[in-house]
Amino acid sequence: MSEDIVKIKGTRSGLQLSFASGAKFDDIKSNIVGKLESGSNFFIRGTTVYIPKGTFPTDQMEVLRRIFHRHGMLFRNEIPKPKLPTPKPTTPTLKTSARTEPKKNSEQMLVINHTVRSGQEVRTESSVLICGNVNPGAQVIAGGSIDIRGVCRGLVHAGADGNDKAVIIADRLMPVQIRIADLVARSPDEYEKVDQPERASIKNRQIVIEPIMR
């Protein structure tokens, strides 16, 4: 009986078996049993053996499965597909005192669906929409505009790459410091109570804050 009746190919996932054309099942089974009982270096306990689906009828595949299981080996009829590298997320995961810098241009929009807490920083080349508050001690730095669907009490810098057309919008604008492009404005000692969203923009080389309708 030819030793090539059963061909063994090693893969990262285990052993893939193929068989000589026209070989009878009984000969294949005997060849496999002979290799297993001879202590072949290929057939090590715990190894997974793959035989392509459809190679044999279901009852014959079951016979082979039992043979391999008796010798402490796993039996599969499908080779697992190689795992592809996980793509890097386009939305940053915020970490305390960590900076995140997704590469986006200022016409795109980064969306963050939670409050930016003290000690956290959002940094992006794009515009950013924050569905939550920006707490004191937090920073938001964007190449484009900043839209906060909540109260802004932290440091916010829009148009950080020099874009003086960028704006900052918030349901309540109470920042420690506000910057647009190269201009800086500090918070007043007391805030007027405003019942509608506010927008900060540059007018006549000054940062102006005014109420708006969303």
N, C-alpha and C. Protein backbone atom coordinates (compact mmCIF):
# COMPACT_ATOMS: atom_id res chain seq x y z
N MET A 1 0.86 -1.20 0.00
CA MET A 1 0.00 0.00 0.00
C MET A 1 0.89 1.24 0.00
N SER A 2 0.64 2.20 -0.87
CA SER A 2 1.48 3.38 -0.99
C SER A 2 1.33 4.29 0.21
N GLU A 3 2.49 4.83 0.65
CA GLU A 3 2.45 5.77 1.77
C GLU A 3 1.81 7.08 1.36
N ASP A 4 1.74 7.34 0.04
CA ASP A 4 1.18 8.60 -0.45
C ASP A 4 -0.34 8.55 -0.57
N ILE A 5 -0.95 7.46 -0.16
CA ILE A 5 -2.41 7.38 -0.26
C ILE A 5 -3.07 8.45 0.61
N VAL A 6 -2.43 8.79 1.73
CA VAL A 6 -2.89 9.89 2.59
C VAL A 6 -1.79 10.93 2.63
N LYS A 7 -2.09 12.14 2.17
CA LYS A 7 -1.11 13.23 2.15
C LYS A 7 -1.44 14.22 3.27
N ILE A 8 -0.43 14.65 3.98
CA ILE A 8 -0.60 15.51 5.15
C ILE A 8 0.06 16.86 4.89
N LYS A 9 -0.70 17.92 5.10
CA LYS A 9 -0.17 19.27 4.95
C LYS A 9 -0.36 20.02 6.27
N GLY A 10 0.73 20.49 6.84
CA GLY A 10 0.65 21.25 8.09
C GLY A 10 0.22 22.69 7.85
N THR A 11 -0.69 23.19 8.66
CA THR A 11 -1.13 24.59 8.61
C THR A 11 -1.05 25.16 10.02
N ARG A 12 -1.28 26.45 10.14
CA ARG A 12 -1.26 27.08 11.47
C ARG A 12 -2.38 26.54 12.35
N SER A 13 -3.46 26.08 11.71
CA SER A 13 -4.62 25.62 12.47
C SER A 13 -4.55 24.13 12.78
N GLY A 14 -3.68 23.37 12.13
CA GLY A 14 -3.60 21.92 12.36
C GLY A 14 -3.09 21.20 11.13
N LEU A 15 -3.64 20.04 10.87
CA LEU A 15 -3.23 19.22 9.74
C LEU A 15 -4.37 19.10 8.73
N GLN A 16 -4.07 19.34 7.46
CA GLN A 16 -5.05 19.16 6.40
C GLN A 16 -4.70 17.90 5.62
N LEU A 17 -5.67 16.99 5.48
CA LEU A 17 -5.43 15.73 4.79
C LEU A 17 -6.01 15.77 3.39
N SER A 18 -5.30 15.18 2.45
CA SER A 18 -5.81 14.95 1.10
C SER A 18 -5.45 13.51 0.73
N PHE A 19 -6.06 13.01 -0.33
CA PHE A 19 -5.95 11.57 -0.60
C PHE A 19 -5.66 11.32 -2.07
N ALA A 20 -4.98 10.20 -2.33
CA ALA A 20 -4.64 9.83 -3.70
C ALA A 20 -5.91 9.62 -4.52
N SER A 21 -5.87 10.09 -5.74
CA SER A 21 -7.04 9.95 -6.62
C SER A 21 -7.39 8.49 -6.82
N GLY A 22 -8.68 8.17 -6.64
CA GLY A 22 -9.15 6.81 -6.89
C GLY A 22 -8.94 5.85 -5.73
N ALA A 23 -8.36 6.32 -4.63
CA ALA A 23 -8.12 5.44 -3.48
C ALA A 23 -9.44 5.02 -2.85
N LYS A 24 -9.53 3.77 -2.42
CA LYS A 24 -10.74 3.26 -1.77
C LYS A 24 -10.75 3.70 -0.30
N PHE A 25 -11.95 3.87 0.22
CA PHE A 25 -12.08 4.34 1.59
C PHE A 25 -11.43 3.39 2.58
N ASP A 26 -11.62 2.07 2.39
CA ASP A 26 -11.03 1.11 3.32
C ASP A 26 -9.51 1.22 3.36
N ASP A 27 -8.90 1.47 2.19
CA ASP A 27 -7.45 1.64 2.14
C ASP A 27 -7.02 2.93 2.85
N ILE A 28 -7.82 3.98 2.63
CA ILE A 28 -7.52 5.25 3.29
C ILE A 28 -7.62 5.09 4.81
N LYS A 29 -8.68 4.44 5.28
CA LYS A 29 -8.87 4.24 6.71
C LYS A 29 -7.72 3.43 7.30
N SER A 30 -7.32 2.37 6.61
CA SER A 30 -6.23 1.53 7.10
C SER A 30 -4.91 2.30 7.15
N ASN A 31 -4.70 3.15 6.15
CA ASN A 31 -3.48 3.95 6.11
C ASN A 31 -3.43 4.93 7.27
N ILE A 32 -4.58 5.57 7.55
CA ILE A 32 -4.64 6.52 8.66
C ILE A 32 -4.41 5.81 9.99
N VAL A 33 -5.08 4.67 10.19
CA VAL A 33 -4.92 3.91 11.43
C VAL A 33 -3.47 3.49 11.61
N GLY A 34 -2.83 3.05 10.51
CA GLY A 34 -1.43 2.65 10.58
C GLY A 34 -0.54 3.79 11.02
N LYS A 35 -0.78 4.99 10.49
CA LYS A 35 0.02 6.16 10.86
C LYS A 35 -0.20 6.51 12.33
N LEU A 36 -1.46 6.45 12.77
CA LEU A 36 -1.77 6.79 14.16
C LEU A 36 -1.10 5.81 15.12
N GLU A 37 -1.17 4.53 14.80
CA GLU A 37 -0.64 3.50 15.70
C GLU A 37 0.88 3.41 15.65
N SER A 38 1.47 3.96 14.59
CA SER A 38 2.93 3.92 14.48
C SER A 38 3.58 5.08 15.24
N GLY A 39 2.76 5.97 15.79
CA GLY A 39 3.31 7.12 16.52
C GLY A 39 3.90 8.17 15.62
N SER A 40 3.27 8.40 14.46
CA SER A 40 3.77 9.39 13.51
C SER A 40 3.93 10.75 14.18
N ASN A 41 5.00 11.44 13.82
CA ASN A 41 5.27 12.76 14.39
C ASN A 41 4.21 13.79 14.03
N PHE A 42 3.45 13.52 12.97
CA PHE A 42 2.40 14.44 12.57
C PHE A 42 1.21 14.37 13.53
N PHE A 43 0.81 13.15 13.86
CA PHE A 43 -0.41 12.94 14.64
C PHE A 43 -0.11 13.00 16.13
N ILE A 44 -0.12 14.20 16.68
CA ILE A 44 0.13 14.43 18.10
C ILE A 44 -1.19 14.70 18.79
N ARG A 45 -1.38 14.15 19.97
CA ARG A 45 -2.62 14.34 20.71
C ARG A 45 -2.92 15.83 20.88
N GLY A 46 -4.17 16.18 20.66
CA GLY A 46 -4.59 17.57 20.76
C GLY A 46 -4.55 18.32 19.45
N THR A 47 -3.94 17.72 18.41
CA THR A 47 -3.88 18.36 17.10
C THR A 47 -5.24 18.30 16.42
N THR A 48 -5.57 19.33 15.65
CA THR A 48 -6.81 19.33 14.88
C THR A 48 -6.52 18.85 13.46
N VAL A 49 -7.35 17.91 13.00
CA VAL A 49 -7.21 17.34 11.66
C VAL A 49 -8.38 17.83 10.81
N TYR A 50 -8.07 18.33 9.61
CA TYR A 50 -9.10 18.83 8.70
C TYR A 50 -9.18 17.95 7.46
N ILE A 51 -10.39 17.51 7.15
CA ILE A 51 -10.67 16.82 5.89
C ILE A 51 -11.76 17.62 5.20
N PRO A 52 -11.50 18.12 4.00
CA PRO A 52 -12.46 19.00 3.33
C PRO A 52 -13.86 18.41 3.27
N LYS A 53 -14.84 19.27 3.53
CA LYS A 53 -16.24 18.86 3.49
C LYS A 53 -16.59 18.31 2.10
N GLY A 54 -17.30 17.19 2.07
CA GLY A 54 -17.70 16.60 0.80
C GLY A 54 -16.71 15.60 0.25
N THR A 55 -15.58 15.41 0.95
CA THR A 55 -14.59 14.44 0.48
C THR A 55 -15.15 13.02 0.55
N PHE A 56 -15.88 12.71 1.63
CA PHE A 56 -16.49 11.40 1.83
C PHE A 56 -17.95 11.59 2.23
N PRO A 57 -18.76 10.54 2.05
CA PRO A 57 -20.14 10.59 2.55
C PRO A 57 -20.15 10.79 4.08
N THR A 58 -21.28 11.21 4.60
CA THR A 58 -21.40 11.53 6.02
C THR A 58 -21.02 10.35 6.92
N ASP A 59 -21.45 9.13 6.57
CA ASP A 59 -21.16 7.98 7.43
C ASP A 59 -19.66 7.67 7.46
N GLN A 60 -18.96 7.86 6.34
CA GLN A 60 -17.53 7.61 6.31
C GLN A 60 -16.76 8.71 7.07
N MET A 61 -17.24 9.95 6.98
CA MET A 61 -16.62 11.03 7.75
C MET A 61 -16.76 10.75 9.24
N GLU A 62 -17.91 10.18 9.64
CA GLU A 62 -18.13 9.85 11.04
C GLU A 62 -17.16 8.76 11.51
N VAL A 63 -16.88 7.79 10.63
CA VAL A 63 -15.92 6.73 10.96
C VAL A 63 -14.55 7.35 11.23
N LEU A 64 -14.13 8.26 10.38
CA LEU A 64 -12.82 8.89 10.56
C LEU A 64 -12.80 9.76 11.82
N ARG A 65 -13.90 10.46 12.07
CA ARG A 65 -13.97 11.30 13.27
C ARG A 65 -13.73 10.45 14.53
N ARG A 66 -14.38 9.30 14.59
CA ARG A 66 -14.24 8.43 15.76
C ARG A 66 -12.81 7.90 15.90
N ILE A 67 -12.20 7.57 14.76
CA ILE A 67 -10.81 7.08 14.79
C ILE A 67 -9.88 8.14 15.39
N PHE A 68 -10.02 9.39 14.91
CA PHE A 68 -9.15 10.46 15.40
C PHE A 68 -9.44 10.77 16.87
N HIS A 69 -10.71 10.74 17.25
CA HIS A 69 -11.06 11.02 18.64
C HIS A 69 -10.48 9.97 19.58
N ARG A 70 -10.44 8.72 19.15
CA ARG A 70 -9.87 7.66 19.99
C ARG A 70 -8.39 7.89 20.27
N HIS A 71 -7.74 8.61 19.37
CA HIS A 71 -6.32 8.90 19.51
C HIS A 71 -6.08 10.33 20.05
N GLY A 72 -7.15 10.92 20.62
CA GLY A 72 -7.01 12.22 21.28
C GLY A 72 -6.85 13.39 20.34
N MET A 73 -7.38 13.28 19.12
CA MET A 73 -7.25 14.36 18.14
C MET A 73 -8.61 14.93 17.80
N LEU A 74 -8.63 16.19 17.42
CA LEU A 74 -9.87 16.85 17.02
C LEU A 74 -10.06 16.68 15.52
N PHE A 75 -11.32 16.65 15.10
CA PHE A 75 -11.62 16.41 13.69
C PHE A 75 -12.56 17.50 13.20
N ARG A 76 -12.22 18.14 12.11
CA ARG A 76 -13.04 19.20 11.52
C ARG A 76 -13.12 18.99 10.01
N ASN A 77 -14.20 19.50 9.42
CA ASN A 77 -14.32 19.39 7.97
C ASN A 77 -14.28 20.75 7.27
N GLU A 78 -13.96 21.80 8.04
CA GLU A 78 -13.80 23.12 7.43
C GLU A 78 -12.57 23.78 8.02
N ILE A 79 -11.73 24.30 7.16
CA ILE A 79 -10.54 25.01 7.61
C ILE A 79 -10.94 26.44 7.95
N PRO A 80 -10.63 26.90 9.16
CA PRO A 80 -11.02 28.26 9.53
C PRO A 80 -10.35 29.30 8.65
N LYS A 81 -11.09 30.35 8.33
CA LYS A 81 -10.53 31.42 7.52
C LYS A 81 -9.56 32.23 8.38
N PRO A 82 -8.46 32.68 7.79
CA PRO A 82 -7.51 33.49 8.57
C PRO A 82 -8.15 34.78 9.03
N LYS A 83 -7.83 35.17 10.25
CA LYS A 83 -8.40 36.40 10.80
C LYS A 83 -7.71 37.61 10.19
N LEU A 84 -8.52 38.56 9.74
CA LEU A 84 -7.98 39.78 9.17
C LEU A 84 -7.66 40.76 10.29
N PRO A 85 -6.66 41.62 10.09
CA PRO A 85 -6.35 42.61 11.12
C PRO A 85 -7.56 43.48 11.41
N THR A 86 -7.79 43.75 12.68
CA THR A 86 -8.92 44.59 13.07
C THR A 86 -8.62 46.03 12.68
N PRO A 87 -9.51 46.68 11.88
CA PRO A 87 -9.25 48.07 11.49
C PRO A 87 -9.28 49.00 12.69
N LYS A 88 -8.47 50.01 12.65
CA LYS A 88 -8.45 50.98 13.72
C LYS A 88 -9.75 51.78 13.72
N PRO A 89 -10.35 52.01 14.88
CA PRO A 89 -11.62 52.73 14.93
C PRO A 89 -11.45 54.16 14.48
N THR A 90 -12.47 54.71 13.79
CA THR A 90 -12.41 56.10 13.35
C THR A 90 -12.88 57.03 14.45
N THR A 91 -13.58 56.49 15.44
CA THR A 91 -14.01 57.29 16.59
C THR A 91 -13.11 56.96 17.76
N PRO A 92 -12.48 57.94 18.38
CA PRO A 92 -11.53 57.64 19.44
C PRO A 92 -12.19 57.16 20.71
N THR A 93 -11.51 56.31 21.45
CA THR A 93 -11.94 55.92 22.78
C THR A 93 -11.27 56.86 23.76
N LEU A 94 -12.08 57.53 24.57
CA LEU A 94 -11.53 58.51 25.48
C LEU A 94 -10.93 57.84 26.70
N LYS A 95 -9.76 58.27 27.11
CA LYS A 95 -9.13 57.78 28.32
C LYS A 95 -8.67 58.98 29.13
N THR A 96 -8.69 58.85 30.42
CA THR A 96 -8.29 59.95 31.27
C THR A 96 -6.88 60.39 30.92
N SER A 97 -6.74 61.69 30.71
CA SER A 97 -5.45 62.31 30.40
C SER A 97 -4.83 61.76 29.12
N ALA A 98 -5.64 61.20 28.23
CA ALA A 98 -5.10 60.65 26.98
C ALA A 98 -5.57 61.50 25.82
N ARG A 99 -4.74 61.66 24.81
CA ARG A 99 -5.11 62.42 23.63
C ARG A 99 -5.45 61.48 22.50
N THR A 100 -6.46 61.86 21.72
CA THR A 100 -6.84 61.03 20.58
C THR A 100 -6.80 61.91 19.35
N GLU A 101 -6.19 61.41 18.27
CA GLU A 101 -5.97 62.22 17.09
C GLU A 101 -6.37 61.51 15.81
N PRO A 102 -7.68 61.27 15.58
CA PRO A 102 -8.06 60.68 14.31
C PRO A 102 -7.78 61.63 13.17
N LYS A 103 -7.31 61.13 12.05
CA LYS A 103 -6.96 61.97 10.92
C LYS A 103 -8.19 62.22 10.06
N LYS A 104 -8.77 63.41 10.24
CA LYS A 104 -9.95 63.78 9.48
C LYS A 104 -9.78 65.23 9.06
N ASN A 105 -10.39 65.61 7.93
CA ASN A 105 -10.31 67.01 7.58
C ASN A 105 -11.46 67.76 8.23
N SER A 106 -11.40 69.10 8.20
CA SER A 106 -12.34 69.91 8.96
C SER A 106 -13.75 69.87 8.42
N GLU A 107 -13.99 69.33 7.22
CA GLU A 107 -15.33 69.24 6.68
C GLU A 107 -16.03 67.97 7.12
N GLN A 108 -15.33 67.05 7.77
CA GLN A 108 -15.94 65.86 8.30
C GLN A 108 -16.38 66.11 9.73
N MET A 109 -17.11 65.16 10.31
CA MET A 109 -17.65 65.34 11.65
C MET A 109 -17.35 64.12 12.51
N LEU A 110 -16.71 64.35 13.63
CA LEU A 110 -16.50 63.31 14.63
C LEU A 110 -17.64 63.42 15.63
N VAL A 111 -18.30 62.29 15.93
CA VAL A 111 -19.44 62.29 16.84
C VAL A 111 -19.06 61.54 18.11
N ILE A 112 -19.29 62.17 19.26
CA ILE A 112 -19.04 61.54 20.56
C ILE A 112 -20.35 61.55 21.32
N ASN A 113 -20.83 60.35 21.68
CA ASN A 113 -22.15 60.23 22.28
C ASN A 113 -22.10 60.11 23.81
N HIS A 114 -21.31 60.91 24.45
CA HIS A 114 -21.29 60.91 25.91
C HIS A 114 -20.59 62.19 26.40
N THR A 115 -20.71 62.43 27.68
CA THR A 115 -20.09 63.60 28.30
C THR A 115 -18.57 63.45 28.33
N VAL A 116 -17.88 64.56 28.07
CA VAL A 116 -16.42 64.59 28.18
C VAL A 116 -16.10 65.07 29.60
N ARG A 117 -15.51 64.18 30.39
CA ARG A 117 -15.33 64.45 31.81
C ARG A 117 -13.98 65.10 32.11
N SER A 118 -13.86 65.58 33.34
CA SER A 118 -12.63 66.24 33.78
C SER A 118 -11.42 65.33 33.57
N GLY A 119 -10.35 65.91 33.01
CA GLY A 119 -9.14 65.13 32.75
C GLY A 119 -9.12 64.49 31.39
N GLN A 120 -10.23 64.52 30.66
CA GLN A 120 -10.27 63.93 29.32
C GLN A 120 -10.06 65.02 28.27
N GLU A 121 -9.49 64.62 27.14
CA GLU A 121 -9.25 65.54 26.04
C GLU A 121 -9.70 64.90 24.74
N VAL A 122 -10.45 65.64 23.95
CA VAL A 122 -10.80 65.23 22.60
C VAL A 122 -10.00 66.11 21.65
N ARG A 123 -9.24 65.49 20.78
CA ARG A 123 -8.43 66.23 19.81
C ARG A 123 -8.66 65.61 18.44
N THR A 124 -9.11 66.39 17.48
CA THR A 124 -9.39 65.88 16.15
C THR A 124 -9.12 66.94 15.10
N GLU A 125 -8.78 66.52 13.91
CA GLU A 125 -8.58 67.46 12.80
C GLU A 125 -9.90 67.87 12.16
N SER A 126 -10.98 67.17 12.52
CA SER A 126 -12.28 67.44 11.92
C SER A 126 -13.11 68.33 12.83
N SER A 127 -14.34 68.62 12.42
CA SER A 127 -15.33 69.20 13.31
C SER A 127 -15.80 68.11 14.26
N VAL A 128 -16.44 68.49 15.36
CA VAL A 128 -16.86 67.50 16.35
C VAL A 128 -18.23 67.84 16.90
N LEU A 129 -19.07 66.81 17.04
CA LEU A 129 -20.38 66.93 17.68
C LEU A 129 -20.33 66.11 18.96
N ILE A 130 -20.60 66.76 20.08
CA ILE A 130 -20.60 66.07 21.37
C ILE A 130 -22.02 66.05 21.92
N CYS A 131 -22.60 64.86 22.04
CA CYS A 131 -23.94 64.70 22.58
C CYS A 131 -23.83 64.47 24.08
N GLY A 132 -23.57 65.53 24.80
CA GLY A 132 -23.34 65.47 26.23
C GLY A 132 -22.67 66.76 26.67
N ASN A 133 -22.29 66.83 27.93
CA ASN A 133 -21.64 68.03 28.45
C ASN A 133 -20.13 67.97 28.26
N VAL A 134 -19.50 69.13 28.37
CA VAL A 134 -18.05 69.21 28.48
C VAL A 134 -17.78 69.77 29.87
N ASN A 135 -17.33 68.92 30.78
CA ASN A 135 -17.20 69.29 32.18
C ASN A 135 -15.96 70.15 32.43
N PRO A 136 -15.94 70.86 33.56
CA PRO A 136 -14.72 71.61 33.92
C PRO A 136 -13.53 70.67 34.00
N GLY A 137 -12.38 71.10 33.49
CA GLY A 137 -11.19 70.26 33.47
C GLY A 137 -11.06 69.41 32.23
N ALA A 138 -12.08 69.42 31.35
CA ALA A 138 -12.03 68.70 30.08
C ALA A 138 -11.62 69.66 28.97
N GLN A 139 -11.07 69.12 27.88
CA GLN A 139 -10.66 69.94 26.75
C GLN A 139 -11.18 69.34 25.45
N VAL A 140 -11.61 70.21 24.55
CA VAL A 140 -12.02 69.80 23.21
C VAL A 140 -11.26 70.68 22.22
N ILE A 141 -10.44 70.08 21.38
CA ILE A 141 -9.63 70.82 20.41
C ILE A 141 -9.93 70.25 19.03
N ALA A 142 -10.43 71.08 18.14
CA ALA A 142 -10.87 70.61 16.83
C ALA A 142 -10.32 71.49 15.72
N GLY A 143 -10.03 70.87 14.57
CA GLY A 143 -9.61 71.63 13.40
C GLY A 143 -10.75 72.40 12.79
N GLY A 144 -11.98 71.88 12.98
CA GLY A 144 -13.18 72.54 12.47
C GLY A 144 -14.00 73.14 13.59
N SER A 145 -15.32 73.07 13.44
CA SER A 145 -16.22 73.65 14.43
C SER A 145 -16.53 72.65 15.53
N ILE A 146 -17.09 73.16 16.64
CA ILE A 146 -17.47 72.34 17.78
C ILE A 146 -18.94 72.58 18.08
N ASP A 147 -19.72 71.50 18.16
CA ASP A 147 -21.14 71.59 18.50
C ASP A 147 -21.39 70.72 19.72
N ILE A 148 -21.82 71.33 20.81
CA ILE A 148 -22.02 70.61 22.08
C ILE A 148 -23.50 70.60 22.40
N ARG A 149 -24.11 69.41 22.41
CA ARG A 149 -25.53 69.29 22.75
C ARG A 149 -25.63 69.09 24.27
N GLY A 150 -25.25 70.13 24.99
CA GLY A 150 -25.23 70.11 26.43
C GLY A 150 -24.55 71.38 26.91
N VAL A 151 -24.09 71.36 28.17
CA VAL A 151 -23.44 72.52 28.77
C VAL A 151 -21.93 72.42 28.59
N CYS A 152 -21.32 73.51 28.18
CA CYS A 152 -19.86 73.55 28.00
C CYS A 152 -19.24 74.35 29.14
N ARG A 153 -18.45 73.65 29.98
CA ARG A 153 -17.76 74.33 31.09
C ARG A 153 -16.24 74.12 31.04
N GLY A 154 -15.77 73.41 30.04
CA GLY A 154 -14.34 73.15 29.93
C GLY A 154 -13.64 74.11 29.00
N LEU A 155 -12.47 73.70 28.50
CA LEU A 155 -11.72 74.50 27.54
C LEU A 155 -12.05 73.99 26.14
N VAL A 156 -12.45 74.90 25.25
CA VAL A 156 -12.79 74.51 23.88
C VAL A 156 -12.01 75.37 22.89
N HIS A 157 -11.46 74.71 21.86
CA HIS A 157 -10.66 75.39 20.86
C HIS A 157 -11.09 74.90 19.48
N ALA A 158 -11.80 75.73 18.75
CA ALA A 158 -12.21 75.41 17.38
C ALA A 158 -11.26 76.07 16.39
N GLY A 159 -11.18 75.50 15.19
CA GLY A 159 -10.29 76.06 14.17
C GLY A 159 -8.84 76.05 14.61
N ALA A 160 -8.46 74.95 15.29
CA ALA A 160 -7.12 74.88 15.88
C ALA A 160 -6.02 74.92 14.83
N ASP A 161 -6.35 74.59 13.58
CA ASP A 161 -5.34 74.64 12.51
C ASP A 161 -5.31 76.01 11.82
N GLY A 162 -6.00 77.00 12.41
CA GLY A 162 -5.99 78.35 11.85
C GLY A 162 -7.27 78.73 11.13
N ASN A 163 -8.29 77.88 11.18
CA ASN A 163 -9.56 78.15 10.49
C ASN A 163 -10.39 79.16 11.28
N ASP A 164 -10.37 80.44 10.84
CA ASP A 164 -11.11 81.47 11.58
C ASP A 164 -12.59 81.51 11.22
N LYS A 165 -13.04 80.59 10.35
CA LYS A 165 -14.47 80.48 10.03
C LYS A 165 -15.17 79.48 10.95
N ALA A 166 -14.40 78.77 11.74
CA ALA A 166 -14.98 77.77 12.65
C ALA A 166 -15.80 78.47 13.73
N VAL A 167 -16.78 77.75 14.24
CA VAL A 167 -17.64 78.29 15.30
C VAL A 167 -17.75 77.26 16.43
N ILE A 168 -18.20 77.74 17.59
CA ILE A 168 -18.47 76.88 18.74
C ILE A 168 -19.91 77.10 19.15
N ILE A 169 -20.68 76.01 19.20
CA ILE A 169 -22.09 76.08 19.57
C ILE A 169 -22.32 75.18 20.77
N ALA A 170 -23.15 75.63 21.71
CA ALA A 170 -23.50 74.81 22.87
C ALA A 170 -24.88 75.19 23.35
N ASP A 171 -25.57 74.24 24.00
CA ASP A 171 -26.86 74.58 24.58
C ASP A 171 -26.68 75.62 25.68
N ARG A 172 -25.56 75.55 26.37
CA ARG A 172 -25.19 76.57 27.36
C ARG A 172 -23.68 76.72 27.30
N LEU A 173 -23.22 77.91 26.93
CA LEU A 173 -21.80 78.15 26.71
C LEU A 173 -21.20 78.83 27.93
N MET A 174 -20.50 78.06 28.78
CA MET A 174 -19.90 78.59 30.02
C MET A 174 -18.47 78.09 30.16
N PRO A 175 -17.64 78.24 29.14
CA PRO A 175 -16.30 77.63 29.16
C PRO A 175 -15.33 78.36 30.08
N VAL A 176 -14.34 77.61 30.56
CA VAL A 176 -13.24 78.23 31.30
C VAL A 176 -12.45 79.13 30.35
N GLN A 177 -12.23 78.62 29.15
CA GLN A 177 -11.52 79.39 28.12
C GLN A 177 -12.05 78.96 26.77
N ILE A 178 -12.19 79.91 25.88
CA ILE A 178 -12.68 79.61 24.54
C ILE A 178 -11.68 80.17 23.52
N ARG A 179 -11.37 79.32 22.51
CA ARG A 179 -10.43 79.74 21.48
C ARG A 179 -11.00 79.42 20.11
N ILE A 180 -10.79 80.32 19.19
CA ILE A 180 -11.12 80.07 17.79
C ILE A 180 -9.93 80.56 16.97
N ALA A 181 -9.35 79.66 16.20
CA ALA A 181 -8.13 79.97 15.44
C ALA A 181 -7.07 80.47 16.43
N ASP A 182 -6.56 81.70 16.22
CA ASP A 182 -5.50 82.21 17.10
C ASP A 182 -6.03 83.19 18.14
N LEU A 183 -7.35 83.31 18.26
CA LEU A 183 -7.94 84.24 19.23
C LEU A 183 -8.37 83.50 20.48
N VAL A 184 -8.27 84.18 21.62
CA VAL A 184 -8.59 83.57 22.91
C VAL A 184 -9.54 84.50 23.66
N ALA A 185 -10.55 83.93 24.29
CA ALA A 185 -11.46 84.68 25.17
C ALA A 185 -11.60 83.92 26.47
N ARG A 186 -11.62 84.64 27.55
CA ARG A 186 -11.78 83.99 28.85
C ARG A 186 -13.21 84.19 29.34
N SER A 187 -13.62 83.30 30.25
CA SER A 187 -15.00 83.35 30.74
C SER A 187 -15.20 84.56 31.64
N PRO A 188 -16.40 85.16 31.60
CA PRO A 188 -16.68 86.28 32.51
C PRO A 188 -16.86 85.78 33.94
N ASP A 189 -16.79 86.70 34.88
CA ASP A 189 -16.97 86.32 36.28
C ASP A 189 -18.39 85.83 36.54
N GLU A 190 -19.36 86.40 35.83
CA GLU A 190 -20.75 86.00 35.98
C GLU A 190 -21.36 85.80 34.60
N TYR A 191 -22.21 84.78 34.47
CA TYR A 191 -22.88 84.51 33.21
C TYR A 191 -24.32 84.99 33.26
N GLU A 192 -24.76 85.56 32.14
CA GLU A 192 -26.17 85.89 32.02
C GLU A 192 -26.96 84.62 31.73
N LYS A 193 -28.12 84.50 32.32
CA LYS A 193 -28.94 83.32 32.08
C LYS A 193 -29.54 83.40 30.69
N VAL A 194 -29.27 82.39 29.88
CA VAL A 194 -29.76 82.36 28.50
C VAL A 194 -30.60 81.11 28.32
N ASP A 195 -31.77 81.25 27.72
CA ASP A 195 -32.70 80.13 27.57
C ASP A 195 -32.62 79.48 26.20
N GLN A 196 -31.60 79.78 25.42
CA GLN A 196 -31.46 79.15 24.11
C GLN A 196 -29.99 78.92 23.82
N PRO A 197 -29.69 78.08 22.83
CA PRO A 197 -28.29 77.78 22.51
C PRO A 197 -27.52 79.04 22.13
N GLU A 198 -26.19 78.96 22.26
CA GLU A 198 -25.33 80.09 21.95
C GLU A 198 -24.25 79.68 20.96
N ARG A 199 -23.77 80.65 20.22
CA ARG A 199 -22.71 80.40 19.24
C ARG A 199 -21.60 81.42 19.43
N ALA A 200 -20.37 80.92 19.40
CA ALA A 200 -19.21 81.79 19.44
C ALA A 200 -18.55 81.78 18.07
N SER A 201 -18.25 82.95 17.56
CA SER A 201 -17.61 83.06 16.25
C SER A 201 -16.71 84.29 16.24
N ILE A 202 -15.91 84.41 15.19
CA ILE A 202 -15.03 85.56 15.08
C ILE A 202 -15.69 86.64 14.22
N LYS A 203 -15.76 87.83 14.78
CA LYS A 203 -16.26 88.98 14.05
C LYS A 203 -15.36 90.17 14.35
N ASN A 204 -14.86 90.77 13.31
CA ASN A 204 -13.95 91.92 13.46
C ASN A 204 -12.78 91.59 14.38
N ARG A 205 -12.23 90.38 14.16
CA ARG A 205 -11.06 89.90 14.90
C ARG A 205 -11.32 89.81 16.41
N GLN A 206 -12.57 89.57 16.79
CA GLN A 206 -12.92 89.33 18.17
C GLN A 206 -13.85 88.12 18.25
N ILE A 207 -13.79 87.40 19.37
CA ILE A 207 -14.72 86.29 19.58
C ILE A 207 -16.01 86.85 20.16
N VAL A 208 -17.09 86.62 19.43
CA VAL A 208 -18.40 87.14 19.83
C VAL A 208 -19.32 85.97 20.14
N ILE A 209 -20.04 86.05 21.26
CA ILE A 209 -20.99 85.00 21.64
C ILE A 209 -22.39 85.58 21.53
N GLU A 210 -23.26 84.84 20.83
CA GLU A 210 -24.63 85.32 20.62
C GLU A 210 -25.60 84.15 20.65
N PRO A 211 -26.85 84.41 21.09
CA PRO A 211 -27.86 83.35 21.11
C PRO A 211 -28.30 82.99 19.69
N ILE A 212 -28.66 81.72 19.48
CA ILE A 212 -29.11 81.26 18.17
C ILE A 212 -30.28 80.32 18.34
N MET A 213 -30.92 80.00 17.21
CA MET A 213 -31.95 78.96 17.16
C MET A 213 -31.35 77.77 16.44
N ARG A 214 -31.45 76.58 17.03
CA ARG A 214 -30.94 75.37 16.36
C ARG A 214 -31.87 74.98 15.23
